[in-house]
C-alpha cells in the first residue's frame, strides 16, 4: 500500500480536478499494469465529504472486482501574518 501526500503552492490556483491512475507492479523490472483510474472533482464535494471519500475505479479490471479507492483529502490554508 502506498500513501502519497500532494501539496500545492498557495500562490497558484488550487486544482479543481484530480486524475488518479492505480497501477500494479509485481517486480522491479515488470511493466506497470493499470488496475483502474478515477477522477475526483473537488467542486462537486464538500470538504467534509473529501475528508473521507470512496471513489469507484473505472477500467475493465477495476469494474469486474468493484474496486474503490479510499482517499482522505484535507484543505489546509496557511496565512502568513505581516507585522
Protein backbone atom coordinates (compact mmCIF):
# COMPACT_ATOMS: atom_id res chain seq x y z
CA UNK A 1 0.00 0.00 0.00
CA UNK A 2 1.33 3.39 -0.97
CA UNK A 3 0.49 6.64 0.73
CA UNK A 4 1.29 9.84 -1.04
CA UNK A 5 0.87 13.40 0.06
CA UNK A 6 0.37 16.02 -2.64
CA UNK A 7 0.92 19.67 -1.87
CA UNK A 8 0.14 22.70 -3.98
CA UNK A 9 1.72 26.13 -3.95
CA UNK A 10 -0.58 28.61 -2.20
CA UNK A 11 0.30 31.29 -4.75
CA UNK A 12 -1.24 29.16 -7.50
CA UNK A 13 -4.89 28.40 -8.08
CA UNK A 14 -5.74 25.06 -6.43
CA UNK A 15 -6.76 22.27 -8.81
CA UNK A 16 -10.46 21.57 -9.30
CA UNK A 17 -9.97 18.01 -10.58
CA UNK A 18 -7.58 15.23 -9.58
CA UNK A 19 -6.98 12.37 -12.02
CA UNK A 20 -5.75 9.19 -10.34
CA UNK A 21 -4.31 6.11 -12.04
CA UNK A 22 -3.84 2.96 -9.90
CA UNK A 23 -1.02 0.73 -11.15
CA UNK A 24 0.15 -2.77 -10.26
CA UNK A 25 3.84 -3.60 -10.46
CA UNK A 26 4.87 -7.12 -9.42
CA UNK A 27 8.61 -6.66 -9.51
CA UNK A 28 11.34 -4.10 -10.07
CA UNK A 29 11.58 -4.83 -13.81
CA UNK A 30 7.95 -5.59 -14.66
CA UNK A 31 5.75 -3.35 -16.75
CA UNK A 32 3.15 -1.46 -14.74
CA UNK A 33 -0.37 -2.73 -15.30
CA UNK A 34 -3.25 -0.29 -14.89
CA UNK A 35 -5.81 -1.54 -12.36
CA UNK A 36 -8.10 1.40 -12.96
CA UNK A 37 -8.46 5.15 -12.85
CA UNK A 38 -10.69 7.74 -11.22
CA UNK A 39 -11.39 11.44 -11.48
CA UNK A 40 -12.20 13.42 -8.35
CA UNK A 41 -13.89 16.76 -8.95
CA UNK A 42 -13.30 18.90 -5.86
CA UNK A 43 -16.10 21.27 -6.84
CA UNK A 44 -18.75 18.52 -6.59
CA UNK A 45 -17.95 17.57 -2.99
CA UNK A 46 -17.85 19.38 0.33
CA UNK A 47 -14.64 19.46 2.37
CA UNK A 48 -16.32 17.06 4.83
CA UNK A 49 -17.04 14.56 2.05
CA UNK A 50 -13.48 14.87 0.70
CA UNK A 51 -12.01 14.17 4.14
CA UNK A 52 -13.12 10.53 3.82
CA UNK A 53 -14.29 9.51 0.34
CA UNK A 54 -14.50 6.20 -1.51
CA UNK A 55 -14.17 6.62 -5.28
CA UNK A 56 -15.05 3.74 -7.64
CA UNK A 57 -12.31 3.00 -10.18
CA UNK A 58 -13.01 2.84 -13.91
CA UNK A 59 -11.43 0.22 -16.14
CA UNK A 60 -12.06 -3.44 -17.03
CA UNK A 61 -10.14 -4.96 -14.13
CA UNK A 62 -11.41 -2.44 -11.58
CA UNK A 63 -15.05 -2.77 -12.60
CA UNK A 64 -15.01 -6.57 -12.61
CA UNK A 65 -13.84 -6.60 -8.99
CA UNK A 66 -15.80 -3.44 -8.00
CA UNK A 67 -12.60 -1.75 -6.80
CA UNK A 68 -12.77 1.52 -4.92
CA UNK A 69 -10.08 3.99 -3.94
CA UNK A 70 -10.17 5.36 -0.39
CA UNK A 71 -8.99 8.96 -0.25
CA UNK A 72 -8.63 11.44 2.57
CA UNK A 73 -8.26 14.94 1.22
CA UNK A 74 -7.69 17.84 3.59
CA UNK A 75 -7.63 21.51 2.71
CA UNK A 76 -5.15 23.45 4.78
CA UNK A 77 -4.96 27.19 4.39
CA UNK A 78 -1.89 28.81 5.85
CA UNK A 79 -1.80 32.55 6.07
CA UNK A 80 1.35 34.47 6.76
CA UNK A 81 0.78 37.31 9.18
CA UNK A 82 2.55 40.51 8.26
CA UNK A 83 3.87 42.54 11.13
